[in-house]
């Protein structure tokens, strides 16, 4: 099975200490602004691109992915799917998410069973991921759409148990997610406890609004920092390099 994107992420962690993943929402970044945005992100030090959103008002998702990939070059373009409609043959990979923090069977295995044959036929690399929603001070889109409750932020041992289960089930990554536009990000104690116990890459995202906050997550043990909502305002792109420097602990 193709593991090019997953290996790229692992090499980034190995060489830089941690990786910077920029999440692009098709409903927030117009097609005509993709070339300049991707160029600026690459020059600033972004390591990989996620594409997706909880809702999808953009009707040209396939073209959106194609455009991003055509400008991303060697950086992997990975779909971060909010629904079964967010699949494109132009992506390098798809984050194959199982929402392990919830008990909604559709998001644990139902949607995955529907999507798997499509990925197989299109030849898209699946990057399996034990995905956990973490309490963030407000109800997020991911929580609403998935109809599942987040893990309480003061219960890091619950996140630990789920992360270990994901690893033992053979998943390649774990993701601690506060949610897009979260009021408060994933607590450092939870990141530390999980990262010390698992041997697979740990994504952390949601509510990260400053380079220093991103650096704190890395020091706590996050391997890959995912930021999206913060950079939806075009003027914030000037801070991309500051975030990259803060995240790349060993660069």
C-alpha atoms as a PDB file:
ATOM      1  CA  UNK A   1       0.000   0.000   0.000  1.00  0.00           C
ATOM      2  CA  UNK A   2       1.229   3.488  -0.853  1.00  0.00           C
ATOM      3  CA  UNK A   3       2.581   5.249   2.267  1.00  0.00           C
ATOM      4  CA  UNK A   4       4.352   8.201   0.638  1.00  0.00           C
ATOM      5  CA  UNK A   5       2.497  10.960   2.499  1.00  0.00           C
ATOM      6  CA  UNK A   6       2.667   9.167   5.833  1.00  0.00           C
ATOM      7  CA  UNK A   7       6.408   8.615   5.387  1.00  0.00           C
ATOM      8  CA  UNK A   8       6.794  12.286   4.495  1.00  0.00           C
ATOM      9  CA  UNK A   9       5.132  13.284   7.765  1.00  0.00           C
ATOM     10  CA  UNK A  10       7.338  10.911   9.718  1.00  0.00           C
ATOM     11  CA  UNK A  11      10.479  12.274   8.046  1.00  0.00           C
ATOM     12  CA  UNK A  12       9.367  15.824   8.810  1.00  0.00           C
ATOM     13  CA  UNK A  13       9.013  14.938  12.484  1.00  0.00           C
ATOM     14  CA  UNK A  14      12.375  13.183  12.455  1.00  0.00           C
ATOM     15  CA  UNK A  15      14.208  16.052  10.736  1.00  0.00           C
ATOM     16  CA  UNK A  16      12.465  19.093  12.203  1.00  0.00           C
ATOM     17  CA  UNK A  17      11.204  17.871  15.549  1.00  0.00           C
ATOM     18  CA  UNK A  18       7.609  18.602  14.565  1.00  0.00           C
ATOM     19  CA  UNK A  19       5.596  19.566  11.497  1.00  0.00           C
ATOM     20  CA  UNK A  20       3.366  22.479  10.514  1.00  0.00           C
ATOM     21  CA  UNK A  21       0.163  21.511   8.690  1.00  0.00           C
ATOM     22  CA  UNK A  22      -1.983  24.275   7.194  1.00  0.00           C
ATOM     23  CA  UNK A  23      -5.683  23.446   6.983  1.00  0.00           C
ATOM     24  CA  UNK A  24      -7.454  25.074   4.028  1.00  0.00           C
ATOM     25  CA  UNK A  25     -11.250  25.313   3.972  1.00  0.00           C
ATOM     26  CA  UNK A  26     -12.689  25.436   0.429  1.00  0.00           C
ATOM     27  CA  UNK A  27     -15.455  27.729   1.673  1.00  0.00           C
ATOM     28  CA  UNK A  28     -12.972  30.276   3.026  1.00  0.00           C
ATOM     29  CA  UNK A  29     -10.166  30.478   0.423  1.00  0.00           C
ATOM     30  CA  UNK A  30     -11.388  31.369  -3.116  1.00  0.00           C
ATOM     31  CA  UNK A  31      -9.975  29.409  -6.037  1.00  0.00           C
ATOM     32  CA  UNK A  32      -8.316  32.470  -7.561  1.00  0.00           C
ATOM     33  CA  UNK A  33      -6.281  33.074  -4.392  1.00  0.00           C
ATOM     34  CA  UNK A  34      -4.863  29.552  -4.186  1.00  0.00           C
ATOM     35  CA  UNK A  35      -1.610  30.142  -6.163  1.00  0.00           C
ATOM     36  CA  UNK A  36      -0.461  33.076  -4.042  1.00  0.00           C
ATOM     37  CA  UNK A  37      -1.570  31.463  -0.789  1.00  0.00           C
ATOM     38  CA  UNK A  38       0.240  28.176  -1.436  1.00  0.00           C
ATOM     39  CA  UNK A  39       3.410  29.952  -2.572  1.00  0.00           C
ATOM     40  CA  UNK A  40       3.441  32.113   0.545  1.00  0.00           C
ATOM     41  CA  UNK A  41       2.816  29.105   2.772  1.00  0.00           C
ATOM     42  CA  UNK A  42       5.614  27.071   1.204  1.00  0.00           C
ATOM     43  CA  UNK A  43       8.088  29.950   1.442  1.00  0.00           C
ATOM     44  CA  UNK A  44       7.147  30.432   5.099  1.00  0.00           C
ATOM     45  CA  UNK A  45       7.887  26.791   5.955  1.00  0.00           C
ATOM     46  CA  UNK A  46       4.534  24.992   5.949  1.00  0.00           C
ATOM     47  CA  UNK A  47       5.214  21.256   5.666  1.00  0.00           C
ATOM     48  CA  UNK A  48       1.886  19.882   4.426  1.00  0.00           C
ATOM     49  CA  UNK A  49      -1.640  20.917   3.503  1.00  0.00           C
ATOM     50  CA  UNK A  50      -4.958  19.620   4.785  1.00  0.00           C
ATOM     51  CA  UNK A  51      -8.117  20.375   2.797  1.00  0.00           C
ATOM     52  CA  UNK A  52     -11.604  20.102   4.239  1.00  0.00           C
ATOM     53  CA  UNK A  53     -14.346  21.521   6.417  1.00  0.00           C
ATOM     54  CA  UNK A  54     -17.343  20.479   8.503  1.00  0.00           C
ATOM     55  CA  UNK A  55     -19.655  21.866   5.839  1.00  0.00           C
ATOM     56  CA  UNK A  56     -19.013  22.259   2.124  1.00  0.00           C
ATOM     57  CA  UNK A  57     -20.701  25.063   0.239  1.00  0.00           C
ATOM     58  CA  UNK A  58     -18.003  25.051  -2.460  1.00  0.00           C
ATOM     59  CA  UNK A  59     -19.333  23.042  -5.416  1.00  0.00           C
ATOM     60  CA  UNK A  60     -15.966  22.518  -7.104  1.00  0.00           C
ATOM     61  CA  UNK A  61     -14.173  20.502  -4.401  1.00  0.00           C
ATOM     62  CA  UNK A  62     -12.393  18.337  -6.976  1.00  0.00           C
ATOM     63  CA  UNK A  63     -11.054  21.380  -8.827  1.00  0.00           C
ATOM     64  CA  UNK A  64     -10.115  22.999  -5.534  1.00  0.00           C
ATOM     65  CA  UNK A  65      -7.950  20.019  -4.609  1.00  0.00           C
ATOM     66  CA  UNK A  66      -6.419  19.889  -8.087  1.00  0.00           C
ATOM     67  CA  UNK A  67      -5.449  23.553  -7.937  1.00  0.00           C
ATOM     68  CA  UNK A  68      -3.814  23.201  -4.533  1.00  0.00           C
ATOM     69  CA  UNK A  69      -1.889  20.109  -5.579  1.00  0.00           C
ATOM     70  CA  UNK A  70      -0.669  21.770  -8.758  1.00  0.00           C
ATOM     71  CA  UNK A  71       1.007  24.475  -6.660  1.00  0.00           C
ATOM     72  CA  UNK A  72       2.032  22.453  -3.596  1.00  0.00           C
ATOM     73  CA  UNK A  73       4.870  20.605  -5.310  1.00  0.00           C
ATOM     74  CA  UNK A  74       6.531  18.092  -2.973  1.00  0.00           C
ATOM     75  CA  UNK A  75       4.407  19.022   0.020  1.00  0.00           C
ATOM     76  CA  UNK A  76       1.636  16.463   0.482  1.00  0.00           C
ATOM     77  CA  UNK A  77      -1.972  17.514  -0.006  1.00  0.00           C
ATOM     78  CA  UNK A  78      -4.122  15.499   2.374  1.00  0.00           C
ATOM     79  CA  UNK A  79      -7.914  15.605   2.515  1.00  0.00           C
ATOM     80  CA  UNK A  80      -9.220  16.182   6.041  1.00  0.00           C
ATOM     81  CA  UNK A  81     -12.775  15.065   5.293  1.00  0.00           C
ATOM     82  CA  UNK A  82     -15.818  16.573   6.928  1.00  0.00           C
ATOM     83  CA  UNK A  83     -18.099  14.254   4.955  1.00  0.00           C
ATOM     84  CA  UNK A  84     -18.175  11.475   2.364  1.00  0.00           C
ATOM     85  CA  UNK A  85     -18.412  14.115  -0.366  1.00  0.00           C
ATOM     86  CA  UNK A  86     -14.876  15.312   0.319  1.00  0.00           C
ATOM     87  CA  UNK A  87     -12.889  12.835  -1.763  1.00  0.00           C
ATOM     88  CA  UNK A  88     -10.776  13.702  -4.799  1.00  0.00           C
ATOM     89  CA  UNK A  89      -8.309  11.726  -6.944  1.00  0.00           C
ATOM     90  CA  UNK A  90      -6.060  14.790  -7.084  1.00  0.00           C
ATOM     91  CA  UNK A  91      -5.105  14.503  -3.400  1.00  0.00           C
ATOM     92  CA  UNK A  92      -1.996  12.644  -2.281  1.00  0.00           C
ATOM     93  CA  UNK A  93      -3.791  11.115   0.685  1.00  0.00           C
ATOM     94  CA  UNK A  94      -6.852  11.220   2.887  1.00  0.00           C
ATOM     95  CA  UNK A  95      -6.848  11.311   6.674  1.00  0.00           C
ATOM     96  CA  UNK A  96      -8.910   8.169   7.311  1.00  0.00           C
ATOM     97  CA  UNK A  97     -10.597   9.301  10.507  1.00  0.00           C
ATOM     98  CA  UNK A  98     -12.410   7.223  13.085  1.00  0.00           C
ATOM     99  CA  UNK A  99     -14.012   9.456  15.721  1.00  0.00           C
ATOM    100  CA  UNK A 100     -12.908   7.332  18.657  1.00  0.00           C
ATOM    101  CA  UNK A 101     -13.880   9.875  21.321  1.00  0.00           C
ATOM    102  CA  UNK A 102     -17.554   9.427  20.415  1.00  0.00           C
ATOM    103  CA  UNK A 103     -19.923   6.501  20.277  1.00  0.00           C
ATOM    104  CA  UNK A 104     -21.710   7.361  17.037  1.00  0.00           C
ATOM    105  CA  UNK A 105     -21.268   4.206  14.906  1.00  0.00           C
ATOM    106  CA  UNK A 106     -21.480   6.145  11.637  1.00  0.00           C
ATOM    107  CA  UNK A 107     -18.331   8.065  12.532  1.00  0.00           C
ATOM    108  CA  UNK A 108     -16.554   5.107  14.091  1.00  0.00           C
ATOM    109  CA  UNK A 109     -16.896   2.704  11.132  1.00  0.00           C
ATOM    110  CA  UNK A 110     -20.058   3.377   9.072  1.00  0.00           C
ATOM    111  CA  UNK A 111     -18.802   6.204   6.857  1.00  0.00           C
ATOM    112  CA  UNK A 112     -15.369   4.600   6.680  1.00  0.00           C
ATOM    113  CA  UNK A 113     -16.817   1.405   5.191  1.00  0.00           C
ATOM    114  CA  UNK A 114     -18.581   3.473   2.518  1.00  0.00           C
ATOM    115  CA  UNK A 115     -15.474   5.527   1.716  1.00  0.00           C
ATOM    116  CA  UNK A 116     -12.938   2.664   1.679  1.00  0.00           C
ATOM    117  CA  UNK A 117     -13.855   1.219  -1.765  1.00  0.00           C
ATOM    118  CA  UNK A 118     -13.726   4.713  -3.275  1.00  0.00           C
ATOM    119  CA  UNK A 119     -10.209   5.287  -1.930  1.00  0.00           C
ATOM    120  CA  UNK A 120      -9.160   1.851  -3.170  1.00  0.00           C
ATOM    121  CA  UNK A 121     -10.473   2.443  -6.688  1.00  0.00           C
ATOM    122  CA  UNK A 122      -8.999   5.960  -6.900  1.00  0.00           C
ATOM    123  CA  UNK A 123      -5.646   4.892  -5.463  1.00  0.00           C
ATOM    124  CA  UNK A 124      -5.680   7.521  -2.712  1.00  0.00           C
ATOM    125  CA  UNK A 125      -3.389   6.816   0.229  1.00  0.00           C
ATOM    126  CA  UNK A 126      -5.337   6.396   3.488  1.00  0.00           C
ATOM    127  CA  UNK A 127      -3.655   7.693   6.650  1.00  0.00           C
ATOM    128  CA  UNK A 128      -5.591   6.060   9.465  1.00  0.00           C
ATOM    129  CA  UNK A 129      -6.287   8.334  12.412  1.00  0.00           C
ATOM    130  CA  UNK A 130      -7.814   7.930  15.861  1.00  0.00           C
ATOM    131  CA  UNK A 131      -9.594  11.275  16.085  1.00  0.00           C
ATOM    132  CA  UNK A 132     -10.662  12.763  19.416  1.00  0.00           C
ATOM    133  CA  UNK A 133     -12.725  15.862  20.069  1.00  0.00           C
ATOM    134  CA  UNK A 134     -11.568  17.688  23.193  1.00  0.00           C
ATOM    135  CA  UNK A 135     -13.724  20.084  25.208  1.00  0.00           C
ATOM    136  CA  UNK A 136     -12.829  23.618  24.089  1.00  0.00           C
ATOM    137  CA  UNK A 137     -15.104  26.065  25.853  1.00  0.00           C
ATOM    138  CA  UNK A 138     -17.804  26.142  23.183  1.00  0.00           C
ATOM    139  CA  UNK A 139     -19.704  23.767  20.921  1.00  0.00           C
ATOM    140  CA  UNK A 140     -17.723  23.395  17.695  1.00  0.00           C
ATOM    141  CA  UNK A 141     -18.906  22.505  14.207  1.00  0.00           C
ATOM    142  CA  UNK A 142     -17.219  19.103  14.442  1.00  0.00           C
ATOM    143  CA  UNK A 143     -19.074  18.318  17.660  1.00  0.00           C
ATOM    144  CA  UNK A 144     -22.398  19.427  16.179  1.00  0.00           C
ATOM    145  CA  UNK A 145     -22.032  17.579  12.881  1.00  0.00           C
ATOM    146  CA  UNK A 146     -20.749  14.354  14.461  1.00  0.00           C
ATOM    147  CA  UNK A 147     -23.434  14.384  17.162  1.00  0.00           C
ATOM    148  CA  UNK A 148     -20.862  13.326  19.761  1.00  0.00           C
ATOM    149  CA  UNK A 149     -19.639  14.717  23.067  1.00  0.00           C
ATOM    150  CA  UNK A 150     -16.017  15.841  23.449  1.00  0.00           C
ATOM    151  CA  UNK A 151     -13.640  14.430  26.042  1.00  0.00           C
ATOM    152  CA  UNK A 152     -13.599  16.685  29.145  1.00  0.00           C
ATOM    153  CA  UNK A 153     -10.413  18.759  29.099  1.00  0.00           C
ATOM    154  CA  UNK A 154      -9.728  17.984  32.759  1.00  0.00           C
ATOM    155  CA  UNK A 155      -9.799  14.221  32.115  1.00  0.00           C
ATOM    156  CA  UNK A 156      -6.520  13.540  30.255  1.00  0.00           C
ATOM    157  CA  UNK A 157      -6.597   9.899  31.282  1.00  0.00           C
ATOM    158  CA  UNK A 158      -9.661   9.374  29.064  1.00  0.00           C
ATOM    159  CA  UNK A 159      -7.735  10.714  26.072  1.00  0.00           C
ATOM    160  CA  UNK A 160      -4.814   8.475  27.010  1.00  0.00           C
ATOM    161  CA  UNK A 161      -6.996   5.361  27.082  1.00  0.00           C
ATOM    162  CA  UNK A 162      -8.481   6.162  23.664  1.00  0.00           C
ATOM    163  CA  UNK A 163      -5.078   6.987  22.142  1.00  0.00           C
ATOM    164  CA  UNK A 164      -3.633   3.676  23.308  1.00  0.00           C
ATOM    165  CA  UNK A 165      -6.664   1.846  21.924  1.00  0.00           C
ATOM    166  CA  UNK A 166      -6.137   3.553  18.555  1.00  0.00           C
ATOM    167  CA  UNK A 167      -2.505   2.474  18.485  1.00  0.00           C
ATOM    168  CA  UNK A 168      -3.317  -1.085  19.527  1.00  0.00           C
ATOM    169  CA  UNK A 169      -5.944  -1.272  16.781  1.00  0.00           C
ATOM    170  CA  UNK A 170      -3.227  -0.433  14.260  1.00  0.00           C
ATOM    171  CA  UNK A 171      -4.072   3.190  13.496  1.00  0.00           C
ATOM    172  CA  UNK A 172      -1.112   5.194  12.172  1.00  0.00           C
ATOM    173  CA  UNK A 173      -1.851   8.518  13.879  1.00  0.00           C
ATOM    174  CA  UNK A 174      -3.779  10.089  16.754  1.00  0.00           C
ATOM    175  CA  UNK A 175      -5.410  13.513  16.623  1.00  0.00           C
ATOM    176  CA  UNK A 176      -6.383  15.687  19.616  1.00  0.00           C
ATOM    177  CA  UNK A 177      -8.833  18.254  18.236  1.00  0.00           C
ATOM    178  CA  UNK A 178     -10.285  21.232  20.070  1.00  0.00           C
ATOM    179  CA  UNK A 179     -12.232  22.172  16.931  1.00  0.00           C
ATOM    180  CA  UNK A 180     -12.216  24.994  14.411  1.00  0.00           C
ATOM    181  CA  UNK A 181     -12.464  28.349  16.165  1.00  0.00           C
ATOM    182  CA  UNK A 182     -12.180  26.725  19.591  1.00  0.00           C
ATOM    183  CA  UNK A 183     -12.258  29.107  22.530  1.00  0.00           C
ATOM    184  CA  UNK A 184      -9.414  27.252  24.237  1.00  0.00           C
ATOM    185  CA  UNK A 185      -6.956  24.779  22.755  1.00  0.00           C
ATOM    186  CA  UNK A 186      -6.033  21.248  23.828  1.00  0.00           C
ATOM    187  CA  UNK A 187      -4.491  21.335  27.333  1.00  0.00           C
ATOM    188  CA  UNK A 188      -0.760  20.705  27.633  1.00  0.00           C
ATOM    189  CA  UNK A 189      -1.189  18.078  30.349  1.00  0.00           C
ATOM    190  CA  UNK A 190      -3.313  15.978  27.996  1.00  0.00           C
ATOM    191  CA  UNK A 191      -0.826  16.314  25.133  1.00  0.00           C
ATOM    192  CA  UNK A 192       2.055  15.272  27.404  1.00  0.00           C
ATOM    193  CA  UNK A 193       0.260  12.256  28.835  1.00  0.00           C
ATOM    194  CA  UNK A 194      -0.779  10.972  25.404  1.00  0.00           C
ATOM    195  CA  UNK A 195       2.524  11.656  23.644  1.00  0.00           C
ATOM    196  CA  UNK A 196       4.554   9.865  26.317  1.00  0.00           C
ATOM    197  CA  UNK A 197       2.453   6.722  25.943  1.00  0.00           C
ATOM    198  CA  UNK A 198       2.072   6.269  22.174  1.00  0.00           C
ATOM    199  CA  UNK A 199       4.638   5.556  19.470  1.00  0.00           C
ATOM    200  CA  UNK A 200       2.695   6.962  16.511  1.00  0.00           C
ATOM    201  CA  UNK A 201       2.518  10.606  15.326  1.00  0.00           C
ATOM    202  CA  UNK A 202       0.292  12.915  17.352  1.00  0.00           C
ATOM    203  CA  UNK A 203      -1.654  15.699  15.628  1.00  0.00           C
ATOM    204  CA  UNK A 204      -2.865  18.614  17.754  1.00  0.00           C
ATOM    205  CA  UNK A 205      -5.169  21.321  16.430  1.00  0.00           C
ATOM    206  CA  UNK A 206      -7.919  23.780  17.199  1.00  0.00           C
ATOM    207  CA  UNK A 207      -7.784  27.162  18.900  1.00  0.00           C
ATOM    208  CA  UNK A 208      -4.039  27.764  18.427  1.00  0.00           C
ATOM    209  CA  UNK A 209      -3.657  31.497  17.879  1.00  0.00           C
ATOM    210  CA  UNK A 210      -0.007  32.410  18.458  1.00  0.00           C
ATOM    211  CA  UNK A 211       3.484  31.057  17.689  1.00  0.00           C
ATOM    212  CA  UNK A 212       4.209  30.769  21.419  1.00  0.00           C
ATOM    213  CA  UNK A 213       1.086  28.671  21.939  1.00  0.00           C
ATOM    214  CA  UNK A 214       2.117  26.416  19.048  1.00  0.00           C
ATOM    215  CA  UNK A 215       5.593  26.059  20.555  1.00  0.00           C
ATOM    216  CA  UNK A 216       4.062  25.089  23.900  1.00  0.00           C
ATOM    217  CA  UNK A 217       2.142  22.274  22.189  1.00  0.00           C
ATOM    218  CA  UNK A 218       5.349  21.017  20.584  1.00  0.00           C
ATOM    219  CA  UNK A 219       7.241  21.086  23.869  1.00  0.00           C
ATOM    220  CA  UNK A 220       4.371  19.153  25.446  1.00  0.00           C
ATOM    221  CA  UNK A 221       4.801  16.419  22.825  1.00  0.00           C
ATOM    222  CA  UNK A 222       2.725  17.298  19.745  1.00  0.00           C
ATOM    223  CA  UNK A 223       4.374  15.989  16.582  1.00  0.00           C
ATOM    224  CA  UNK A 224       2.205  17.798  14.028  1.00  0.00           C
ATOM    225  CA  UNK A 225       0.481  21.136  14.630  1.00  0.00           C
ATOM    226  CA  UNK A 226      -2.615  21.801  12.521  1.00  0.00           C
ATOM    227  CA  UNK A 227      -3.815  25.397  12.139  1.00  0.00           C
ATOM    228  CA  UNK A 228      -6.626  26.560   9.897  1.00  0.00           C
ATOM    229  CA  UNK A 229      -9.163  28.989  11.310  1.00  0.00           C
ATOM    230  CA  UNK A 230      -6.498  31.500  12.419  1.00  0.00           C
ATOM    231  CA  UNK A 231      -5.239  31.919   8.842  1.00  0.00           C
ATOM    232  CA  UNK A 232      -8.631  32.350   7.218  1.00  0.00           C
ATOM    233  CA  UNK A 233      -8.048  36.123   7.349  1.00  0.00           C
ATOM    234  CA  UNK A 234      -5.623  36.928   4.568  1.00  0.00           C
ATOM    235  CA  UNK A 235      -3.654  39.456   6.615  1.00  0.00           C
ATOM    236  CA  UNK A 236      -2.689  36.709   9.070  1.00  0.00           C
ATOM    237  CA  UNK A 237      -0.621  34.962   6.378  1.00  0.00           C
ATOM    238  CA  UNK A 238       2.246  37.312   7.238  1.00  0.00           C
ATOM    239  CA  UNK A 239       2.620  35.322  10.483  1.00  0.00           C
ATOM    240  CA  UNK A 240       3.084  31.951   8.788  1.00  0.00           C
ATOM    241  CA  UNK A 241       6.879  32.041   9.068  1.00  0.00           C
ATOM    242  CA  UNK A 242       6.703  32.893  12.791  1.00  0.00           C
ATOM    243  CA  UNK A 243       4.482  29.882  13.390  1.00  0.00           C
ATOM    244  CA  UNK A 244       6.785  27.662  11.293  1.00  0.00           C
ATOM    245  CA  UNK A 245       9.860  28.758  13.273  1.00  0.00           C
ATOM    246  CA  UNK A 246       8.053  28.101  16.553  1.00  0.00           C
ATOM    247  CA  UNK A 247       6.861  24.660  15.480  1.00  0.00           C
ATOM    248  CA  UNK A 248      10.111  23.425  13.958  1.00  0.00           C
ATOM    249  CA  UNK A 249      11.847  22.693  17.239  1.00  0.00           C
ATOM    250  CA  UNK A 250      14.901  21.027  15.711  1.00  0.00           C
ATOM    251  CA  UNK A 251      15.194  22.999  12.445  1.00  0.00           C
END
